[in-house]
Amino acid sequence: MEFDFARSVLPLAAIVAVAAVALTSVMTASTVFMMVLPSMIVFSVVAFFLGMKHGEFRASP
């Protein structure tokens, strides 16, 4: 299966969104959206970039 940018980022964005909404049941919404969500976004971008580069390295002959 060929992955392009949209097919790769869309599930990641959905996971982050579901996790942020689910956390509002445990923490206050202002804490989640002001502190937790930005750190989740930064971590997911860094992990996505590192995973993409590792996949490119593994795929190269």
N, C-alpha and C. Protein backbone atom coordinates (compact mmCIF):
# COMPACT_ATOMS: atom_id res chain seq x y z
N MET A 1 0.84 -1.17 0.00
CA MET A 1 0.00 0.00 0.00
C MET A 1 0.89 1.24 0.00
N GLU A 2 0.60 2.15 -0.88
CA GLU A 2 1.36 3.39 -0.96
C GLU A 2 0.77 4.41 0.01
N PHE A 3 1.63 4.97 0.84
CA PHE A 3 1.20 6.01 1.78
C PHE A 3 1.64 7.36 1.25
N ASP A 4 0.69 8.28 1.13
CA ASP A 4 1.05 9.64 0.83
C ASP A 4 0.85 10.46 2.12
N PHE A 5 1.07 11.74 2.03
CA PHE A 5 1.05 12.57 3.24
C PHE A 5 -0.32 12.55 3.92
N ALA A 6 -1.39 12.67 3.14
CA ALA A 6 -2.74 12.71 3.72
C ALA A 6 -3.11 11.39 4.39
N ARG A 7 -2.77 10.28 3.77
CA ARG A 7 -3.09 8.97 4.35
C ARG A 7 -2.28 8.70 5.60
N SER A 8 -1.16 9.35 5.76
CA SER A 8 -0.34 9.14 6.94
C SER A 8 -0.72 10.07 8.08
N VAL A 9 -1.04 11.30 7.77
CA VAL A 9 -1.31 12.30 8.81
C VAL A 9 -2.74 12.22 9.33
N LEU A 10 -3.68 11.84 8.49
CA LEU A 10 -5.08 11.80 8.91
C LEU A 10 -5.33 10.87 10.10
N PRO A 11 -4.85 9.62 10.09
CA PRO A 11 -5.05 8.78 11.29
C PRO A 11 -4.33 9.33 12.52
N LEU A 12 -3.17 9.92 12.31
CA LEU A 12 -2.44 10.51 13.44
C LEU A 12 -3.22 11.66 14.06
N ALA A 13 -3.78 12.52 13.22
CA ALA A 13 -4.59 13.63 13.72
C ALA A 13 -5.85 13.14 14.42
N ALA A 14 -6.44 12.07 13.90
CA ALA A 14 -7.63 11.51 14.53
C ALA A 14 -7.32 10.93 15.91
N ILE A 15 -6.18 10.26 16.03
CA ILE A 15 -5.78 9.70 17.33
C ILE A 15 -5.54 10.81 18.34
N VAL A 16 -4.86 11.87 17.93
CA VAL A 16 -4.59 12.99 18.84
C VAL A 16 -5.90 13.66 19.25
N ALA A 17 -6.82 13.84 18.31
CA ALA A 17 -8.10 14.48 18.62
C ALA A 17 -8.93 13.64 19.58
N VAL A 18 -9.00 12.35 19.35
CA VAL A 18 -9.77 11.47 20.24
C VAL A 18 -9.14 11.44 21.63
N ALA A 19 -7.83 11.40 21.70
CA ALA A 19 -7.15 11.39 23.00
C ALA A 19 -7.37 12.69 23.75
N ALA A 20 -7.35 13.81 23.06
CA ALA A 20 -7.58 15.10 23.72
C ALA A 20 -8.99 15.20 24.26
N VAL A 21 -9.96 14.75 23.47
CA VAL A 21 -11.35 14.80 23.93
C VAL A 21 -11.56 13.83 25.09
N ALA A 22 -10.93 12.67 25.03
CA ALA A 22 -11.08 11.69 26.12
C ALA A 22 -10.45 12.21 27.41
N LEU A 23 -9.37 12.96 27.30
CA LEU A 23 -8.74 13.49 28.50
C LEU A 23 -9.58 14.53 29.21
N THR A 24 -10.52 15.16 28.50
CA THR A 24 -11.37 16.16 29.15
C THR A 24 -12.30 15.53 30.18
N SER A 25 -12.48 14.22 30.13
CA SER A 25 -13.30 13.57 31.15
C SER A 25 -12.53 13.40 32.46
N VAL A 26 -11.22 13.49 32.40
CA VAL A 26 -10.39 13.31 33.59
C VAL A 26 -9.86 14.65 34.10
N MET A 27 -9.48 15.53 33.17
CA MET A 27 -8.90 16.82 33.52
C MET A 27 -9.83 17.94 33.04
N THR A 28 -9.57 19.15 33.51
CA THR A 28 -10.38 20.27 33.03
C THR A 28 -10.04 20.56 31.57
N ALA A 29 -11.02 21.04 30.85
CA ALA A 29 -10.84 21.28 29.42
C ALA A 29 -9.78 22.34 29.15
N SER A 30 -9.72 23.35 30.00
CA SER A 30 -8.72 24.40 29.77
C SER A 30 -7.31 23.85 29.92
N THR A 31 -7.10 22.95 30.87
CA THR A 31 -5.78 22.35 31.05
C THR A 31 -5.41 21.48 29.85
N VAL A 32 -6.36 20.72 29.38
CA VAL A 32 -6.10 19.82 28.25
C VAL A 32 -5.77 20.62 26.99
N PHE A 33 -6.59 21.62 26.69
CA PHE A 33 -6.41 22.34 25.43
C PHE A 33 -5.29 23.36 25.47
N MET A 34 -4.90 23.82 26.64
CA MET A 34 -3.83 24.82 26.72
C MET A 34 -2.47 24.20 26.97
N MET A 35 -2.41 23.04 27.64
CA MET A 35 -1.12 22.46 28.01
C MET A 35 -0.88 21.09 27.38
N VAL A 36 -1.84 20.21 27.44
CA VAL A 36 -1.63 18.83 27.00
C VAL A 36 -1.69 18.72 25.48
N LEU A 37 -2.66 19.32 24.85
CA LEU A 37 -2.82 19.20 23.40
C LEU A 37 -1.62 19.74 22.62
N PRO A 38 -1.09 20.91 22.96
CA PRO A 38 0.11 21.36 22.21
C PRO A 38 1.30 20.41 22.36
N SER A 39 1.49 19.84 23.53
CA SER A 39 2.61 18.90 23.69
C SER A 39 2.34 17.61 22.93
N MET A 40 1.08 17.17 22.85
CA MET A 40 0.75 15.99 22.06
C MET A 40 1.01 16.23 20.58
N ILE A 41 0.70 17.42 20.11
CA ILE A 41 0.92 17.75 18.71
C ILE A 41 2.40 17.79 18.39
N VAL A 42 3.19 18.43 19.25
CA VAL A 42 4.64 18.51 19.02
C VAL A 42 5.25 17.12 19.04
N PHE A 43 4.87 16.29 20.00
CA PHE A 43 5.41 14.94 20.07
C PHE A 43 5.03 14.12 18.84
N SER A 44 3.78 14.25 18.40
CA SER A 44 3.36 13.46 17.24
C SER A 44 4.08 13.90 15.97
N VAL A 45 4.35 15.19 15.84
CA VAL A 45 5.09 15.67 14.67
C VAL A 45 6.52 15.15 14.69
N VAL A 46 7.18 15.21 15.85
CA VAL A 46 8.55 14.72 15.97
C VAL A 46 8.61 13.21 15.72
N ALA A 47 7.68 12.46 16.33
CA ALA A 47 7.67 11.01 16.15
C ALA A 47 7.34 10.64 14.70
N PHE A 48 6.44 11.36 14.05
CA PHE A 48 6.12 11.11 12.65
C PHE A 48 7.34 11.35 11.76
N PHE A 49 8.04 12.47 11.99
CA PHE A 49 9.21 12.79 11.19
C PHE A 49 10.31 11.74 11.38
N LEU A 50 10.58 11.36 12.63
CA LEU A 50 11.61 10.36 12.88
C LEU A 50 11.23 9.00 12.28
N GLY A 51 9.97 8.62 12.40
CA GLY A 51 9.52 7.37 11.81
C GLY A 51 9.58 7.37 10.30
N MET A 52 9.26 8.51 9.71
CA MET A 52 9.34 8.61 8.26
C MET A 52 10.79 8.49 7.78
N LYS A 53 11.70 9.17 8.46
CA LYS A 53 13.11 9.10 8.08
C LYS A 53 13.67 7.69 8.30
N HIS A 54 13.26 7.03 9.36
CA HIS A 54 13.71 5.66 9.60
C HIS A 54 13.17 4.73 8.52
N GLY A 55 11.93 4.92 8.12
CA GLY A 55 11.37 4.10 7.04
C GLY A 55 12.08 4.32 5.73
N GLU A 56 12.45 5.56 5.45
CA GLU A 56 13.20 5.84 4.22
C GLU A 56 14.58 5.18 4.29
N PHE A 57 15.19 5.20 5.44
CA PHE A 57 16.50 4.57 5.60
C PHE A 57 16.39 3.06 5.42
N ARG A 58 15.37 2.45 5.99
CA ARG A 58 15.21 1.00 5.88
C ARG A 58 14.84 0.58 4.46
N ALA A 59 14.15 1.44 3.73
CA ALA A 59 13.73 1.10 2.38
C ALA A 59 14.83 1.27 1.35
N SER A 60 15.85 2.05 1.68
CA SER A 60 16.91 2.27 0.70
C SER A 60 17.82 1.05 0.64
N PRO A 61 18.30 0.72 -0.55
CA PRO A 61 19.11 -0.50 -0.70
C PRO A 61 20.50 -0.36 -0.13
